[in-house]
C-alpha atoms as a PDB file:
ATOM      1  CA  MET A   1    -158.380  -7.404 216.393  1.00  0.00           C
ATOM      2  CA  LYS A   2    -159.342  -4.702 213.921  1.00  0.00           C
ATOM      3  CA  LYS A   3    -160.086  -2.283 216.795  1.00  0.00           C
ATOM      4  CA  VAL A   4    -156.677  -2.956 218.292  1.00  0.00           C
ATOM      5  CA  GLN A   5    -154.974  -2.263 214.961  1.00  0.00           C
ATOM      6  CA  ILE A   6    -156.851   1.034 214.616  1.00  0.00           C
ATOM      7  CA  VAL A   7    -155.831   2.117 218.110  1.00  0.00           C
ATOM      8  CA  LEU A   8    -152.201   1.185 217.442  1.00  0.00           C
ATOM      9  CA  SER A   9    -152.276   3.140 214.163  1.00  0.00           C
ATOM     10  CA  LEU A  10    -153.622   6.221 215.924  1.00  0.00           C
ATOM     11  CA  LEU A  11    -151.006   5.962 218.658  1.00  0.00           C
ATOM     12  CA  THR A  12    -148.267   5.624 216.035  1.00  0.00           C
ATOM     13  CA  ALA A  13    -149.509   8.667 214.143  1.00  0.00           C
ATOM     14  CA  PHE A  14    -149.783  10.707 217.367  1.00  0.00           C
ATOM     15  CA  SER A  15    -146.309   9.792 218.552  1.00  0.00           C
ATOM     16  CA  GLY A  16    -144.922  10.583 215.125  1.00  0.00           C
ATOM     17  CA  SER A  17    -146.464  14.053 215.128  1.00  0.00           C
ATOM     18  CA  VAL A  18    -145.282  14.782 218.648  1.00  0.00           C
ATOM     19  CA  PHE A  19    -141.881  13.141 218.684  1.00  0.00           C
ATOM     20  CA  GLY A  20    -141.062  12.862 215.004  1.00  0.00           C
ATOM     21  CA  GLN A  21    -140.586  15.306 212.161  1.00  0.00           C
ATOM     22  CA  ASN A  22    -143.568  17.431 213.114  1.00  0.00           C
ATOM     23  CA  ALA A  23    -142.451  17.852 216.714  1.00  0.00           C
ATOM     24  CA  VAL A  24    -141.934  21.447 217.855  1.00  0.00           C
ATOM     25  CA  LYS A  25    -138.595  21.788 219.575  1.00  0.00           C
ATOM     26  CA  THR A  26    -138.406  24.384 222.317  1.00  0.00           C
ATOM     27  CA  THR A  27    -135.042  25.613 223.494  1.00  0.00           C
ATOM     28  CA  ILE A  28    -134.430  27.873 226.425  1.00  0.00           C
ATOM     29  CA  PRO A  29    -132.237  30.831 225.397  1.00  0.00           C
ATOM     30  CA  LYS A  30    -128.922  30.997 227.209  1.00  0.00           C
ATOM     31  CA  TYR A  31    -126.383  33.722 227.828  1.00  0.00           C
ATOM     32  CA  LYS A  32    -122.937  34.153 229.303  1.00  0.00           C
ATOM     33  CA  ASN A  33    -121.305  37.189 230.874  1.00  0.00           C
ATOM     34  CA  PRO A  34    -120.162  39.759 229.956  1.00  0.00           C
ATOM     35  CA  VAL A  35    -123.106  40.882 227.823  1.00  0.00           C
ATOM     36  CA  PHE A  36    -121.321  43.926 226.361  1.00  0.00           C
ATOM     37  CA  GLU A  37    -117.633  44.793 225.912  1.00  0.00           C
ATOM     38  CA  PRO A  38    -115.235  46.526 226.189  1.00  0.00           C
ATOM     39  CA  ILE A  39    -116.752  49.137 228.528  1.00  0.00           C
ATOM     40  CA  LEU A  40    -120.117  50.273 229.795  1.00  0.00           C
ATOM     41  CA  ALA A  41    -119.438  51.505 233.302  1.00  0.00           C
ATOM     42  CA  ASP A  42    -122.057  52.722 235.801  1.00  0.00           C
ATOM     43  CA  PRO A  43    -124.935  51.457 233.648  1.00  0.00           C
ATOM     44  CA  SER A  44    -128.428  52.905 233.621  1.00  0.00           C
ATOM     45  CA  VAL A  45    -131.066  50.847 231.793  1.00  0.00           C
ATOM     46  CA  ILE A  46    -134.538  51.805 230.603  1.00  0.00           C
ATOM     47  CA  LYS A  47    -137.167  50.187 228.389  1.00  0.00           C
ATOM     48  CA  ALA A  48    -138.175  52.793 225.834  1.00  0.00           C
ATOM     49  CA  ASP A  49    -141.433  53.352 223.994  1.00  0.00           C
ATOM     50  CA  ASP A  50    -140.020  51.636 220.887  1.00  0.00           C
ATOM     51  CA  GLY A  51    -139.781  48.310 222.752  1.00  0.00           C
ATOM     52  CA  TRP A  52    -135.988  48.300 223.045  1.00  0.00           C
ATOM     53  CA  PHE A  53    -133.937  48.356 226.216  1.00  0.00           C
ATOM     54  CA  TYR A  54    -131.361  51.163 226.229  1.00  0.00           C
ATOM     55  CA  ALA A  55    -128.313  51.234 228.480  1.00  0.00           C
ATOM     56  CA  TYR A  56    -126.100  54.267 229.121  1.00  0.00           C
ATOM     57  CA  GLY A  57    -122.557  54.340 230.504  1.00  0.00           C
ATOM     58  CA  THR A  58    -120.008  56.733 231.978  1.00  0.00           C
ATOM     59  CA  GLN A  59    -117.761  58.695 229.611  1.00  0.00           C
ATOM     60  CA  ASP A  60    -114.772  56.503 228.749  1.00  0.00           C
ATOM     61  CA  ASP A  61    -112.047  56.060 226.151  1.00  0.00           C
ATOM     62  CA  TRP A  62    -112.561  52.550 224.786  1.00  0.00           C
ATOM     63  CA  GLY A  63    -109.433  52.639 222.633  1.00  0.00           C
ATOM     64  CA  ASP A  64    -111.578  52.409 219.493  1.00  0.00           C
ATOM     65  CA  GLY A  65    -110.558  55.734 218.002  1.00  0.00           C
ATOM     66  CA  ASN A  66    -113.273  57.755 219.707  1.00  0.00           C
ATOM     67  CA  PRO A  67    -111.591  59.363 222.711  1.00  0.00           C
ATOM     68  CA  ALA A  68    -114.761  60.802 224.192  1.00  0.00           C
ATOM     69  CA  HIS A  69    -117.693  58.396 224.111  1.00  0.00           C
ATOM     70  CA  LEU A  70    -119.749  61.065 225.794  1.00  0.00           C
ATOM     71  CA  VAL A  71    -122.142  58.630 227.475  1.00  0.00           C
ATOM     72  CA  ALA A  72    -122.267  55.620 225.167  1.00  0.00           C
ATOM     73  CA  VAL A  73    -125.741  54.303 224.325  1.00  0.00           C
ATOM     74  CA  VAL A  74    -126.281  50.602 223.612  1.00  0.00           C
ATOM     75  CA  ARG A  75    -129.549  48.778 223.033  1.00  0.00           C
ATOM     76  CA  SER A  76    -131.032  45.293 223.260  1.00  0.00           C
ATOM     77  CA  LYS A  77    -134.331  43.451 222.871  1.00  0.00           C
ATOM     78  CA  ASN A  78    -133.547  40.839 225.520  1.00  0.00           C
ATOM     79  CA  LEU A  79    -130.942  42.254 227.975  1.00  0.00           C
ATOM     80  CA  LYS A  80    -128.296  39.789 226.750  1.00  0.00           C
ATOM     81  CA  ASP A  81    -127.474  40.917 223.196  1.00  0.00           C
ATOM     82  CA  TRP A  82    -126.365  44.556 223.120  1.00  0.00           C
ATOM     83  CA  THR A  83    -125.180  46.723 220.235  1.00  0.00           C
ATOM     84  CA  PHE A  84    -123.655  50.197 220.293  1.00  0.00           C
ATOM     85  CA  VAL A  85    -125.950  52.908 218.896  1.00  0.00           C
ATOM     86  CA  LYS A  86    -124.144  56.224 219.426  1.00  0.00           C
ATOM     87  CA  ASP A  87    -123.115  58.679 222.121  1.00  0.00           C
ATOM     88  CA  ALA A  88    -125.830  60.533 224.003  1.00  0.00           C
ATOM     89  CA  PHE A  89    -124.017  63.896 223.775  1.00  0.00           C
ATOM     90  CA  LEU A  90    -122.649  65.553 220.649  1.00  0.00           C
ATOM     91  CA  THR A  91    -120.548  67.938 222.751  1.00  0.00           C
ATOM     92  CA  LYS A  92    -119.654  68.132 226.413  1.00  0.00           C
ATOM     93  CA  PRO A  93    -121.801  70.398 228.624  1.00  0.00           C
ATOM     94  CA  VAL A  94    -120.129  73.749 229.341  1.00  0.00           C
ATOM     95  CA  TRP A  95    -121.455  74.721 232.784  1.00  0.00           C
ATOM     96  CA  LYS A  96    -118.320  73.321 234.403  1.00  0.00           C
ATOM     97  CA  GLU A  97    -114.775  74.114 233.364  1.00  0.00           C
ATOM     98  CA  LYS A  98    -113.467  70.557 233.302  1.00  0.00           C
ATOM     99  CA  GLY A  99    -114.464  67.019 234.116  1.00  0.00           C
ATOM    100  CA  GLY A 100    -116.002  63.852 232.732  1.00  0.00           C
ATOM    101  CA  ILE A 101    -119.670  62.995 232.257  1.00  0.00           C
ATOM    102  CA  TRP A 102    -120.182  60.158 234.714  1.00  0.00           C
ATOM    103  CA  ALA A 103    -122.863  57.851 236.049  1.00  0.00           C
ATOM    104  CA  PRO A 104    -125.823  58.730 233.801  1.00  0.00           C
ATOM    105  CA  ASP A 105    -129.296  57.916 235.079  1.00  0.00           C
ATOM    106  CA  VAL A 106    -132.029  57.962 232.434  1.00  0.00           C
ATOM    107  CA  ALA A 107    -135.769  58.089 233.108  1.00  0.00           C
ATOM    108  CA  LYS A 108    -138.933  58.873 231.170  1.00  0.00           C
ATOM    109  CA  VAL A 109    -140.288  62.093 232.679  1.00  0.00           C
ATOM    110  CA  ASN A 110    -143.387  63.886 231.403  1.00  0.00           C
ATOM    111  CA  GLY A 111    -143.032  62.324 227.952  1.00  0.00           C
ATOM    112  CA  LYS A 112    -139.329  63.140 227.540  1.00  0.00           C
ATOM    113  CA  TYR A 113    -136.133  61.211 228.255  1.00  0.00           C
ATOM    114  CA  HIS A 114    -134.232  62.823 231.120  1.00  0.00           C
ATOM    115  CA  LEU A 115    -130.533  62.034 231.529  1.00  0.00           C
ATOM    116  CA  TYR A 116    -129.223  63.031 234.952  1.00  0.00           C
ATOM    117  CA  TYR A 117    -125.423  62.961 235.091  1.00  0.00           C
ATOM    118  CA  ALA A 118    -122.439  63.728 237.289  1.00  0.00           C
ATOM    119  CA  TYR A 119    -119.798  66.194 236.117  1.00  0.00           C
ATOM    120  CA  SER A 120    -116.494  65.554 237.854  1.00  0.00           C
ATOM    121  CA  THR A 121    -112.769  64.882 237.720  1.00  0.00           C
ATOM    122  CA  TRP A 122    -110.898  62.469 239.972  1.00  0.00           C
ATOM    123  CA  GLY A 123    -110.435  64.249 243.279  1.00  0.00           C
ATOM    124  CA  ASP A 124    -112.679  67.114 242.180  1.00  0.00           C
ATOM    125  CA  PRO A 125    -113.269  69.508 245.129  1.00  0.00           C
ATOM    126  CA  ASN A 126    -116.584  70.678 243.700  1.00  0.00           C
ATOM    127  CA  PRO A 127    -118.272  68.142 241.394  1.00  0.00           C
ATOM    128  CA  GLY A 128    -121.887  68.564 240.439  1.00  0.00           C
ATOM    129  CA  ILE A 129    -124.950  67.069 238.803  1.00  0.00           C
ATOM    130  CA  GLY A 130    -126.625  68.198 235.589  1.00  0.00           C
ATOM    131  CA  LEU A 131    -129.561  67.308 233.359  1.00  0.00           C
ATOM    132  CA  ALA A 132    -129.953  66.723 229.639  1.00  0.00           C
ATOM    133  CA  ILE A 133    -133.220  65.979 227.798  1.00  0.00           C
ATOM    134  CA  ALA A 134    -134.117  64.215 224.538  1.00  0.00           C
ATOM    135  CA  ASP A 135    -137.252  63.271 222.626  1.00  0.00           C
ATOM    136  CA  ALA A 136    -135.834  59.826 221.745  1.00  0.00           C
ATOM    137  CA  PRO A 137    -133.999  57.341 223.991  1.00  0.00           C
ATOM    138  CA  ALA A 138    -130.737  57.499 222.038  1.00  0.00           C
ATOM    139  CA  GLY A 139    -130.750  61.274 221.866  1.00  0.00           C
ATOM    140  CA  PRO A 140    -129.073  63.452 220.980  1.00  0.00           C
ATOM    141  CA  PHE A 141    -129.597  64.899 224.444  1.00  0.00           C
ATOM    142  CA  THR A 142    -129.722  68.662 224.865  1.00  0.00           C
ATOM    143  CA  ASP A 143    -128.050  69.874 228.013  1.00  0.00           C
ATOM    144  CA  GLN A 144    -130.222  71.818 230.462  1.00  0.00           C
ATOM    145  CA  GLY A 145    -127.347  72.826 232.704  1.00  0.00           C
ATOM    146  CA  LYS A 146    -126.539  72.410 236.392  1.00  0.00           C
ATOM    147  CA  LEU A 147    -128.883  71.050 239.034  1.00  0.00           C
ATOM    148  CA  LEU A 148    -126.435  71.362 241.916  1.00  0.00           C
ATOM    149  CA  LEU A 149    -122.774  71.690 242.892  1.00  0.00           C
ATOM    150  CA  SER A 150    -121.225  70.062 245.943  1.00  0.00           C
ATOM    151  CA  ALA A 151    -120.315  73.400 247.533  1.00  0.00           C
ATOM    152  CA  GLU A 152    -123.775  74.924 247.224  1.00  0.00           C
ATOM    153  CA  VAL A 153    -125.645  71.836 248.473  1.00  0.00           C
ATOM    154  CA  LYS A 154    -123.023  71.277 251.212  1.00  0.00           C
ATOM    155  CA  VAL A 155    -122.554  67.593 250.367  1.00  0.00           C
ATOM    156  CA  PRO A 156    -118.962  66.637 249.482  1.00  0.00           C
ATOM    157  CA  ASN A 157    -118.450  64.596 246.311  1.00  0.00           C
ATOM    158  CA  SER A 158    -121.972  65.143 244.975  1.00  0.00           C
ATOM    159  CA  ILE A 159    -122.078  62.664 242.090  1.00  0.00           C
ATOM    160  CA  ASP A 160    -123.977  59.511 241.024  1.00  0.00           C
ATOM    161  CA  PRO A 161    -127.531  60.843 240.568  1.00  0.00           C
ATOM    162  CA  PHE A 162    -130.569  58.583 240.816  1.00  0.00           C
ATOM    163  CA  PHE A 163    -134.031  59.823 239.814  1.00  0.00           C
ATOM    164  CA  MET A 164    -137.221  58.319 241.208  1.00  0.00           C
ATOM    165  CA  GLU A 165    -140.922  59.017 241.075  1.00  0.00           C
ATOM    166  CA  ASP A 166    -143.013  57.881 244.037  1.00  0.00           C
ATOM    167  CA  LYS A 167    -146.606  58.589 244.961  1.00  0.00           C
ATOM    168  CA  GLY A 168    -146.909  61.346 242.373  1.00  0.00           C
ATOM    169  CA  LYS A 169    -143.736  63.191 243.373  1.00  0.00           C
ATOM    170  CA  LYS A 170    -140.267  63.335 241.840  1.00  0.00           C
ATOM    171  CA  TYR A 171    -137.005  62.936 243.742  1.00  0.00           C
ATOM    172  CA  LEU A 172    -133.276  63.071 243.139  1.00  0.00           C
ATOM    173  CA  PHE A 173    -130.772  61.056 245.192  1.00  0.00           C
ATOM    174  CA  TRP A 174    -127.001  61.441 245.022  1.00  0.00           C
ATOM    175  CA  GLY A 175    -123.727  61.202 246.935  1.00  0.00           C
ATOM    176  CA  SER A 176    -120.380  59.443 247.030  1.00  0.00           C
ATOM    177  CA  PHE A 177    -117.365  58.583 249.143  1.00  0.00           C
ATOM    178  CA  SER A 178    -116.244  61.090 251.767  1.00  0.00           C
ATOM    179  CA  ASP A 179    -115.050  61.233 255.376  1.00  0.00           C
ATOM    180  CA  ALA A 180    -116.198  64.828 255.895  1.00  0.00           C
ATOM    181  CA  PRO A 181    -118.787  65.587 258.599  1.00  0.00           C
ATOM    182  CA  THR A 182    -121.427  66.339 255.952  1.00  0.00           C
ATOM    183  CA  GLN A 183    -120.713  63.199 253.921  1.00  0.00           C
ATOM    184  CA  GLY A 184    -123.370  60.762 252.794  1.00  0.00           C
ATOM    185  CA  THR A 185    -126.063  59.860 250.315  1.00  0.00           C
ATOM    186  CA  TYR A 186    -128.924  62.371 250.222  1.00  0.00           C
ATOM    187  CA  GLY A 187    -132.304  62.778 248.609  1.00  0.00           C
ATOM    188  CA  VAL A 188    -134.473  65.793 247.877  1.00  0.00           C
ATOM    189  CA  GLU A 189    -137.813  66.488 246.229  1.00  0.00           C
ATOM    190  CA  MET A 190    -137.708  67.934 242.715  1.00  0.00           C
ATOM    191  CA  ALA A 191    -140.087  70.226 240.885  1.00  0.00           C
ATOM    192  CA  ALA A 192    -143.030  68.617 239.107  1.00  0.00           C
ATOM    193  CA  ASP A 193    -141.243  68.890 235.748  1.00  0.00           C
ATOM    194  CA  GLY A 194    -138.173  67.022 237.024  1.00  0.00           C
ATOM    195  CA  LYS A 195    -135.939  69.847 235.813  1.00  0.00           C
ATOM    196  CA  SER A 196    -135.026  71.647 239.021  1.00  0.00           C
ATOM    197  CA  ILE A 197    -134.807  71.417 242.805  1.00  0.00           C
ATOM    198  CA  PRO A 198    -136.912  74.104 244.526  1.00  0.00           C
ATOM    199  CA  ASP A 199    -135.153  73.928 247.889  1.00  0.00           C
ATOM    200  CA  LEU A 200    -131.764  72.231 248.333  1.00  0.00           C
ATOM    201  CA  THR A 201    -131.902  72.835 252.098  1.00  0.00           C
ATOM    202  CA  LYS A 202    -134.642  70.213 252.361  1.00  0.00           C
ATOM    203  CA  LYS A 203    -132.263  67.378 251.486  1.00  0.00           C
ATOM    204  CA  ILE A 204    -132.392  64.289 253.719  1.00  0.00           C
ATOM    205  CA  LYS A 205    -129.498  61.942 254.476  1.00  0.00           C
ATOM    206  CA  ILE A 206    -130.292  58.263 253.934  1.00  0.00           C
ATOM    207  CA  ALA A 207    -126.853  56.578 253.923  1.00  0.00           C
ATOM    208  CA  ALA A 208    -123.278  57.175 255.068  1.00  0.00           C
ATOM    209  CA  GLY A 209    -120.350  58.360 252.994  1.00  0.00           C
ATOM    210  CA  ASP A 210    -118.944  54.884 252.444  1.00  0.00           C
ATOM    211  CA  PHE A 211    -121.689  54.326 249.837  1.00  0.00           C
ATOM    212  CA  GLU A 212    -122.084  55.604 246.290  1.00  0.00           C
ATOM    213  CA  ALA A 213    -124.036  54.670 243.150  1.00  0.00           C
ATOM    214  CA  ILE A 214    -127.393  54.505 244.895  1.00  0.00           C
ATOM    215  CA  MET A 215    -130.438  52.797 243.404  1.00  0.00           C
ATOM    216  CA  ILE A 216    -133.795  52.432 245.163  1.00  0.00           C
ATOM    217  CA  HIS A 217    -136.216  49.650 244.223  1.00  0.00           C
ATOM    218  CA  LYS A 218    -139.783  49.534 245.502  1.00  0.00           C
ATOM    219  CA  ARG A 219    -141.200  46.061 246.097  1.00  0.00           C
ATOM    220  CA  GLY A 220    -144.134  45.047 248.228  1.00  0.00           C
ATOM    221  CA  GLY A 221    -144.156  47.090 251.402  1.00  0.00           C
ATOM    222  CA  TYR A 222    -140.465  48.047 251.261  1.00  0.00           C
ATOM    223  CA  TYR A 223    -138.049  50.403 249.566  1.00  0.00           C
ATOM    224  CA  TYR A 224    -134.750  48.659 248.903  1.00  0.00           C
ATOM    225  CA  PHE A 225    -131.512  50.632 248.893  1.00  0.00           C
ATOM    226  CA  PHE A 226    -128.728  49.326 246.622  1.00  0.00           C
ATOM    227  CA  GLY A 227    -125.329  51.016 246.949  1.00  0.00           C
ATOM    228  CA  SER A 228    -121.698  50.313 246.056  1.00  0.00           C
ATOM    229  CA  LYS A 229    -118.696  50.419 248.384  1.00  0.00           C
ATOM    230  CA  GLU A 230    -114.873  50.489 248.108  1.00  0.00           C
ATOM    231  CA  SER A 231    -112.745  51.012 244.995  1.00  0.00           C
ATOM    232  CA  CYS A 232    -114.371  50.998 241.567  1.00  0.00           C
ATOM    233  CA  CYS A 233    -111.440  51.703 239.344  1.00  0.00           C
ATOM    234  CA  GLU A 234    -108.163  50.090 240.364  1.00  0.00           C
ATOM    235  CA  GLY A 235    -108.111  47.455 237.652  1.00  0.00           C
ATOM    236  CA  ALA A 236    -107.587  43.929 238.957  1.00  0.00           C
ATOM    237  CA  ALA A 237    -107.316  45.286 242.516  1.00  0.00           C
ATOM    238  CA  SER A 238    -110.796  46.856 242.494  1.00  0.00           C
ATOM    239  CA  LYS A 239    -112.910  45.871 245.505  1.00  0.00           C
ATOM    240  CA  TYR A 240    -116.174  47.480 244.451  1.00  0.00           C
ATOM    241  CA  HIS A 241    -119.216  45.538 245.646  1.00  0.00           C
ATOM    242  CA  VAL A 242    -122.938  46.102 246.206  1.00  0.00           C
ATOM    243  CA  ARG A 243    -124.726  46.172 249.566  1.00  0.00           C
ATOM    244  CA  VAL A 244    -128.410  46.547 250.364  1.00  0.00           C
ATOM    245  CA  GLY A 245    -130.760  47.761 253.063  1.00  0.00           C
ATOM    246  CA  ARG A 246    -134.492  48.320 253.228  1.00  0.00           C
ATOM    247  CA  SER A 247    -137.046  50.698 254.709  1.00  0.00           C
ATOM    248  CA  LYS A 248    -140.808  51.078 254.993  1.00  0.00           C
ATOM    249  CA  THR A 249    -140.493  54.680 253.776  1.00  0.00           C
ATOM    250  CA  LEU A 250    -138.610  56.285 250.899  1.00  0.00           C
ATOM    251  CA  PHE A 251    -136.338  58.416 253.075  1.00  0.00           C
ATOM    252  CA  GLY A 252    -135.614  55.704 255.604  1.00  0.00           C
ATOM    253  CA  PRO A 253    -134.250  54.825 257.981  1.00  0.00           C
ATOM    254  CA  TYR A 254    -132.733  52.028 255.863  1.00  0.00           C
ATOM    255  CA  THR A 255    -131.366  49.042 257.765  1.00  0.00           C
ATOM    256  CA  ASP A 256    -129.534  45.898 256.706  1.00  0.00           C
ATOM    257  CA  GLN A 257    -130.391  42.298 257.637  1.00  0.00           C
ATOM    258  CA  ASP A 258    -128.587  42.741 260.947  1.00  0.00           C
ATOM    259  CA  GLY A 259    -130.639  45.826 261.764  1.00  0.00           C
ATOM    260  CA  LYS A 260    -127.736  48.263 261.247  1.00  0.00           C
ATOM    261  CA  ASP A 261    -128.672  51.751 260.045  1.00  0.00           C
ATOM    262  CA  LEU A 262    -127.137  52.595 256.652  1.00  0.00           C
ATOM    263  CA  ARG A 263    -126.484  56.125 257.879  1.00  0.00           C
ATOM    264  CA  GLU A 264    -123.730  54.600 260.010  1.00  0.00           C
ATOM    265  CA  ARG A 265    -120.539  53.571 258.231  1.00  0.00           C
ATOM    266  CA  GLY A 266    -119.899  49.865 257.812  1.00  0.00           C
ATOM    267  CA  ALA A 267    -123.546  48.857 257.320  1.00  0.00           C
ATOM    268  CA  GLY A 268    -125.270  47.038 254.473  1.00  0.00           C
ATOM    269  CA  THR A 269    -125.892  43.390 253.559  1.00  0.00           C
ATOM    270  CA  VAL A 270    -123.648  42.155 250.741  1.00  0.00           C
ATOM    271  CA  LEU A 271    -125.526  41.425 247.495  1.00  0.00           C
ATOM    272  CA  ILE A 272    -122.575  40.836 245.155  1.00  0.00           C
ATOM    273  CA  LYS A 273    -118.807  40.911 245.638  1.00  0.00           C
ATOM    274  CA  ARG A 274    -115.590  40.245 243.731  1.00  0.00           C
ATOM    275  CA  THR A 275    -114.208  36.798 243.035  1.00  0.00           C
ATOM    276  CA  LYS A 276    -110.769  35.477 242.151  1.00  0.00           C
ATOM    277  CA  ASN A 277    -111.380  36.187 238.462  1.00  0.00           C
ATOM    278  CA  ILE A 278    -113.873  39.082 238.441  1.00  0.00           C
ATOM    279  CA  ALA A 279    -113.061  42.313 240.273  1.00  0.00           C
ATOM    280  CA  GLY A 280    -115.161  45.300 241.240  1.00  0.00           C
ATOM    281  CA  PRO A 281    -118.762  44.273 240.500  1.00  0.00           C
ATOM    282  CA  GLY A 282    -120.892  47.305 241.208  1.00  0.00           C
ATOM    283  CA  HIS A 283    -122.820  50.447 240.286  1.00  0.00           C
ATOM    284  CA  ASN A 284    -125.907  48.488 239.341  1.00  0.00           C
ATOM    285  CA  SER A 285    -128.819  49.578 237.204  1.00  0.00           C
ATOM    286  CA  SER A 286    -132.445  49.582 238.236  1.00  0.00           C
ATOM    287  CA  LEU A 287    -133.942  46.090 238.303  1.00  0.00           C
ATOM    288  CA  ILE A 288    -135.706  44.866 235.162  1.00  0.00           C
ATOM    289  CA  THR A 289    -138.492  42.282 235.483  1.00  0.00           C
ATOM    290  CA  ASP A 290    -138.943  39.850 232.582  1.00  0.00           C
ATOM    291  CA  SER A 291    -142.173  38.261 231.318  1.00  0.00           C
ATOM    292  CA  LYS A 292    -141.856  35.381 233.795  1.00  0.00           C
ATOM    293  CA  GLY A 293    -141.579  37.756 236.754  1.00  0.00           C
ATOM    294  CA  GLN A 294    -137.836  37.210 237.183  1.00  0.00           C
ATOM    295  CA  ASP A 295    -135.834  40.279 238.233  1.00  0.00           C
ATOM    296  CA  TRP A 296    -132.509  41.065 236.554  1.00  0.00           C
ATOM    297  CA  MET A 297    -129.679  43.425 237.467  1.00  0.00           C
ATOM    298  CA  LEU A 298    -127.079  44.918 235.144  1.00  0.00           C
ATOM    299  CA  TYR A 299    -123.804  46.212 236.562  1.00  0.00           C
ATOM    300  CA  HIS A 300    -120.164  46.604 235.597  1.00  0.00           C
ATOM    301  CA  ALA A 301    -117.179  44.463 236.546  1.00  0.00           C
ATOM    302  CA  ILE A 302    -113.534  43.895 235.585  1.00  0.00           C
ATOM    303  CA  ASP A 303    -111.713  40.814 234.273  1.00  0.00           C
ATOM    304  CA  VAL A 304    -108.742  40.291 236.602  1.00  0.00           C
ATOM    305  CA  LYS A 305    -106.669  38.808 233.750  1.00  0.00           C
ATOM    306  CA  ASN A 306    -107.539  41.600 231.299  1.00  0.00           C
ATOM    307  CA  PRO A 307    -108.359  44.655 233.418  1.00  0.00           C
ATOM    308  CA  HIS A 308    -107.585  47.531 231.015  1.00  0.00           C
ATOM    309  CA  VAL A 309    -108.139  48.583 227.414  1.00  0.00           C
ATOM    310  CA  SER A 310    -105.285  49.888 225.260  1.00  0.00           C
ATOM    311  CA  THR A 311    -105.732  53.453 226.524  1.00  0.00           C
ATOM    312  CA  GLY A 312    -105.232  52.365 230.121  1.00  0.00           C
ATOM    313  CA  ALA A 313    -108.888  52.853 231.027  1.00  0.00           C
ATOM    314  CA  ASN A 314    -110.461  50.268 233.299  1.00  0.00           C
ATOM    315  CA  ARG A 315    -112.186  47.623 231.197  1.00  0.00           C
ATOM    316  CA  ARG A 316    -115.460  47.766 233.075  1.00  0.00           C
ATOM    317  CA  PHE A 317    -117.722  45.609 230.940  1.00  0.00           C
ATOM    318  CA  LEU A 318    -121.477  45.090 231.268  1.00  0.00           C
ATOM    319  CA  MET A 319    -122.714  42.153 233.346  1.00  0.00           C
ATOM    320  CA  LEU A 320    -126.178  40.635 233.865  1.00  0.00           C
ATOM    321  CA  ASP A 321    -127.423  38.426 236.692  1.00  0.00           C
ATOM    322  CA  PRO A 322    -130.795  37.293 238.052  1.00  0.00           C
ATOM    323  CA  VAL A 323    -131.920  38.646 241.399  1.00  0.00           C
ATOM    324  CA  HIS A 324    -133.928  36.291 243.589  1.00  0.00           C
ATOM    325  CA  TRP A 325    -135.926  37.172 246.687  1.00  0.00           C
ATOM    326  CA  LYS A 326    -135.715  35.238 249.932  1.00  0.00           C
ATOM    327  CA  ASN A 327    -137.515  36.234 253.126  1.00  0.00           C
ATOM    328  CA  GLY A 328    -138.021  39.729 251.756  1.00  0.00           C
ATOM    329  CA  TRP A 329    -134.396  40.309 250.732  1.00  0.00           C
ATOM    330  CA  PRO A 330    -132.708  40.330 247.307  1.00  0.00           C
ATOM    331  CA  GLU A 331    -130.045  37.710 246.610  1.00  0.00           C
ATOM    332  CA  ILE A 332    -127.637  36.856 243.799  1.00  0.00           C
ATOM    333  CA  LEU A 333    -126.366  33.265 243.674  1.00  0.00           C
ATOM    334  CA  ASN A 334    -123.345  32.940 245.973  1.00  0.00           C
ATOM    335  CA  ALA A 335    -123.219  36.765 246.029  1.00  0.00           C
ATOM    336  CA  GLU A 336    -120.850  36.488 243.047  1.00  0.00           C
ATOM    337  CA  PRO A 337    -120.835  37.525 239.377  1.00  0.00           C
ATOM    338  CA  SER A 338    -121.748  34.578 237.151  1.00  0.00           C
ATOM    339  CA  MET A 339    -119.401  33.560 234.335  1.00  0.00           C
ATOM    340  CA  ASP A 340    -120.999  30.244 233.360  1.00  0.00           C
ATOM    341  CA  GLU A 341    -123.713  29.842 230.744  1.00  0.00           C
ATOM    342  CA  GLN A 342    -127.194  30.135 232.219  1.00  0.00           C
ATOM    343  CA  ASN A 343    -130.837  30.722 231.285  1.00  0.00           C
ATOM    344  CA  ALA A 344    -131.469  34.122 229.745  1.00  0.00           C
ATOM    345  CA  PRO A 345    -134.252  36.611 230.496  1.00  0.00           C
ATOM    346  CA  PHE A 346    -137.543  35.824 228.801  1.00  0.00           C
ATOM    347  CA  PHE A 347    -139.618  38.490 227.071  1.00  0.00           C
ATOM    348  CA  LYS A 348    -142.793  37.863 225.088  1.00  0.00           C
END
């Protein structure tokens, strides 16, 4: 009997330590979209040397008293809680007479932070792409000037830069909507310092001119092309959405799940599209992988019921969703932006 009492006492003590006051409660962090408001359009995201994630957005007037926001910089430790830091530029670059600083793409290159950007107005006949460099992720960034203009590279609507390093070489991809014969998304090798393009004539077309906002993600034996189609900036009527293709080589050919070549208009497998309540999900960042191996994608979208800020600018807020992989292809649940509470990214 005494042995039984001892065993019962031990079991009681154990259960008390595990399930009672000494129990360690673990909760899974949650989040809900949007993860930053009011605006962070065309986001580029990078994890910096200081351990923070930094996100950069197109020049916009938020209606907060700062009419410029020359590439707003926000930061986060976990991808779900973002705070505004400052603007990347103190003054607008001067190599072009007029335009906005759009679609920044930031990368760590040779120990510095490179910010590749588009310089354009709506309907600009000759937009271009420039480069600014900083020692720290939030800048201030010092402009290095023009990399290319649409007219000199012979690619209409040359905007939306994307920088990539692969197999020891550096590349720049760009392009946007156009029906012209030379339309499309192109890529070209850069100099080893990532500051110039030795030969613009060596550009290679990888997608048609019904794509923009390219991002390429390397996974396993494939390069995955992410690109946005249709209207980004028509408020509640925006039909922006993201489509994907893949290739065994960096410069393609990229094909969708039906085998259609992305260099032909109308191709691409839908990754995410608008819903009744959320319009224009698109212009995604590079994928970020958390400590559990889960991939995450940030992008912008518009609330159909509240599509503009006080200045009239499109209220393109920052969204976050997990990307899953099935049979070698990326998927987002129901191919729709999530608005319900869900598990957040996990970082050690």
